[in-house]
Amino acid sequence: MNNLNVEQCKNLDELCEMLNDYSEKYPSDTESQELLLENNVDLCGLPTFGGKDPKCTMEIFSWDESRAMIPNTCAGPAYEIVDRTEDFGA
C-alpha cells in the first residue's frame, strides 16, 4: 500500500489535487482492483496541515486551520475542500 507519496504534499490543496488526479486516472470501476486509490494510500492516515483536530472525522479525510477535505458526493472530482464549519470540523 501507499504507492502515492502523499507525505510530499505541502498543503491541503496539493493533497486534494493528488488524490483527485489519481481517482480520475483510475476510477472506482477500473478493472484492476490493485490500482484503486484505497489500495494505494491509507485514506485514514492522510497528512493534516494545522489547526485543531476535528471533534469527529467521520467524513473528513484531512484538514488545515480553516478548511477540511471531504468526499464529493456530487458529480466531479472525488474530493473537495470546504470551509470548516460546525458540520465539517470546526
C-alpha atoms as a PDB file:
ATOM      1  CA  MET A   1       0.000   0.000   0.000  1.00  0.00           C
ATOM      2  CA  ASN A   2       0.894   3.709  -0.157  1.00  0.00           C
ATOM      3  CA  ASN A   3       2.150   3.853  -3.728  1.00  0.00           C
ATOM      4  CA  LEU A   4       1.152   7.524  -3.685  1.00  0.00           C
ATOM      5  CA  ASN A   5       3.593   9.721  -1.812  1.00  0.00           C
ATOM      6  CA  VAL A   6       1.021  11.846  -0.004  1.00  0.00           C
ATOM      7  CA  GLU A   7       3.637  12.907   2.547  1.00  0.00           C
ATOM      8  CA  GLN A   8       5.260  15.089  -0.122  1.00  0.00           C
ATOM      9  CA  CYS A   9       2.180  17.340  -0.260  1.00  0.00           C
ATOM     10  CA  LYS A  10       2.893  20.744   1.254  1.00  0.00           C
ATOM     11  CA  ASN A  11      -0.712  21.755   1.842  1.00  0.00           C
ATOM     12  CA  LEU A  12      -4.326  20.648   1.663  1.00  0.00           C
ATOM     13  CA  ASP A  13      -4.725  21.864  -1.926  1.00  0.00           C
ATOM     14  CA  GLU A  14      -1.828  19.719  -3.162  1.00  0.00           C
ATOM     15  CA  LEU A  15      -3.162  16.660  -1.337  1.00  0.00           C
ATOM     16  CA  CYS A  16      -6.665  17.100  -2.728  1.00  0.00           C
ATOM     17  CA  GLU A  17      -5.298  17.590  -6.239  1.00  0.00           C
ATOM     18  CA  MET A  18      -3.093  14.475  -5.987  1.00  0.00           C
ATOM     19  CA  LEU A  19      -5.990  12.287  -4.814  1.00  0.00           C
ATOM     20  CA  ASN A  20      -8.381  13.687  -7.420  1.00  0.00           C
ATOM     21  CA  ASP A  21      -5.856  13.229 -10.232  1.00  0.00           C
ATOM     22  CA  TYR A  22      -5.293   9.628  -9.205  1.00  0.00           C
ATOM     23  CA  SER A  23      -9.018   8.940  -8.829  1.00  0.00           C
ATOM     24  CA  GLU A  24      -9.649  10.349 -12.283  1.00  0.00           C
ATOM     25  CA  LYS A  25      -6.890   8.219 -13.808  1.00  0.00           C
ATOM     26  CA  TYR A  26      -8.083   5.060 -12.025  1.00  0.00           C
ATOM     27  CA  PRO A  27     -11.849   5.414 -11.347  1.00  0.00           C
ATOM     28  CA  SER A  28     -13.653   3.085  -8.961  1.00  0.00           C
ATOM     29  CA  ASP A  29     -14.888   0.977 -11.871  1.00  0.00           C
ATOM     30  CA  THR A  30     -11.354   0.241 -13.097  1.00  0.00           C
ATOM     31  CA  GLU A  31     -10.786  -3.424 -13.904  1.00  0.00           C
ATOM     32  CA  SER A  32      -7.614  -3.781 -11.834  1.00  0.00           C
ATOM     33  CA  GLN A  33      -8.515  -3.638  -8.142  1.00  0.00           C
ATOM     34  CA  GLU A  34      -4.870  -3.070  -7.186  1.00  0.00           C
ATOM     35  CA  LEU A  35      -4.972   0.306  -8.938  1.00  0.00           C
ATOM     36  CA  LEU A  36      -7.858   1.672  -6.862  1.00  0.00           C
ATOM     37  CA  LEU A  37      -6.995   4.685  -4.708  1.00  0.00           C
ATOM     38  CA  GLU A  38      -7.934   2.972  -1.451  1.00  0.00           C
ATOM     39  CA  ASN A  39      -5.491   0.168  -2.286  1.00  0.00           C
ATOM     40  CA  ASN A  40      -2.637   2.620  -2.842  1.00  0.00           C
ATOM     41  CA  VAL A  41      -2.900   5.018   0.067  1.00  0.00           C
ATOM     42  CA  ASP A  42      -4.167   4.793   3.632  1.00  0.00           C
ATOM     43  CA  LEU A  43      -7.118   7.183   3.427  1.00  0.00           C
ATOM     44  CA  CYS A  44      -7.463   7.114   7.222  1.00  0.00           C
ATOM     45  CA  GLY A  45      -3.833   8.161   7.670  1.00  0.00           C
ATOM     46  CA  LEU A  46      -3.553  11.141   5.342  1.00  0.00           C
ATOM     47  CA  PRO A  47      -1.410  14.070   6.467  1.00  0.00           C
ATOM     48  CA  THR A  48      -3.038  17.121   8.025  1.00  0.00           C
ATOM     49  CA  PHE A  49      -1.860  20.708   7.741  1.00  0.00           C
ATOM     50  CA  GLY A  50      -2.501  22.501  11.012  1.00  0.00           C
ATOM     51  CA  GLY A  51      -5.445  23.528  13.064  1.00  0.00           C
ATOM     52  CA  LYS A  52      -7.178  21.674  15.856  1.00  0.00           C
ATOM     53  CA  ASP A  53      -8.243  18.114  15.225  1.00  0.00           C
ATOM     54  CA  PRO A  54     -11.942  17.963  14.352  1.00  0.00           C
ATOM     55  CA  LYS A  55     -14.164  16.507  17.069  1.00  0.00           C
ATOM     56  CA  CYS A  56     -15.428  13.962  14.548  1.00  0.00           C
ATOM     57  CA  THR A  57     -13.509  12.922  11.457  1.00  0.00           C
ATOM     58  CA  MET A  58     -16.197  10.614  10.051  1.00  0.00           C
ATOM     59  CA  GLU A  59     -16.420  12.392   6.671  1.00  0.00           C
ATOM     60  CA  ILE A  60     -13.184  14.385   6.956  1.00  0.00           C
ATOM     61  CA  PHE A  61     -10.032  12.940   5.384  1.00  0.00           C
ATOM     62  CA  SER A  62      -7.633  15.852   6.006  1.00  0.00           C
ATOM     63  CA  TRP A  63      -7.705  19.486   7.137  1.00  0.00           C
ATOM     64  CA  ASP A  64      -5.849  22.712   7.725  1.00  0.00           C
ATOM     65  CA  GLU A  65      -6.667  25.600  10.068  1.00  0.00           C
ATOM     66  CA  SER A  66      -9.706  26.825   8.154  1.00  0.00           C
ATOM     67  CA  ARG A  67     -10.739  24.072   5.721  1.00  0.00           C
ATOM     68  CA  ALA A  68     -11.489  20.363   5.515  1.00  0.00           C
ATOM     69  CA  MET A  69     -11.181  17.835   2.687  1.00  0.00           C
ATOM     70  CA  ILE A  70     -14.296  15.698   2.316  1.00  0.00           C
ATOM     71  CA  PRO A  71     -15.621  13.233  -0.266  1.00  0.00           C
ATOM     72  CA  ASN A  72     -17.507  14.918  -3.082  1.00  0.00           C
ATOM     73  CA  THR A  73     -20.979  13.381  -3.174  1.00  0.00           C
ATOM     74  CA  CYS A  74     -21.920  15.129  -6.431  1.00  0.00           C
ATOM     75  CA  ALA A  75     -20.540  14.746  -9.926  1.00  0.00           C
ATOM     76  CA  GLY A  76     -16.978  15.913 -10.338  1.00  0.00           C
ATOM     77  CA  PRO A  77     -13.742  15.189  -8.520  1.00  0.00           C
ATOM     78  CA  ALA A  78     -13.649  12.542  -5.797  1.00  0.00           C
ATOM     79  CA  TYR A  79     -12.685  15.006  -3.039  1.00  0.00           C
ATOM     80  CA  GLU A  80     -13.431  18.646  -2.350  1.00  0.00           C
ATOM     81  CA  ILE A  81     -12.233  21.260   0.096  1.00  0.00           C
ATOM     82  CA  VAL A  82     -14.822  23.072   2.187  1.00  0.00           C
ATOM     83  CA  ASP A  83     -14.646  25.701   4.920  1.00  0.00           C
ATOM     84  CA  ARG A  84     -14.532  24.240   8.399  1.00  0.00           C
ATOM     85  CA  THR A  85     -17.966  24.665   9.904  1.00  0.00           C
ATOM     86  CA  GLU A  86     -19.906  23.003  12.698  1.00  0.00           C
ATOM     87  CA  ASP A  87     -20.599  20.131  10.270  1.00  0.00           C
ATOM     88  CA  PHE A  88     -17.045  19.941   8.922  1.00  0.00           C
ATOM     89  CA  GLY A  89     -14.512  20.023  11.694  1.00  0.00           C
ATOM     90  CA  ALA A  90     -14.931  23.413  13.353  1.00  0.00           C
END
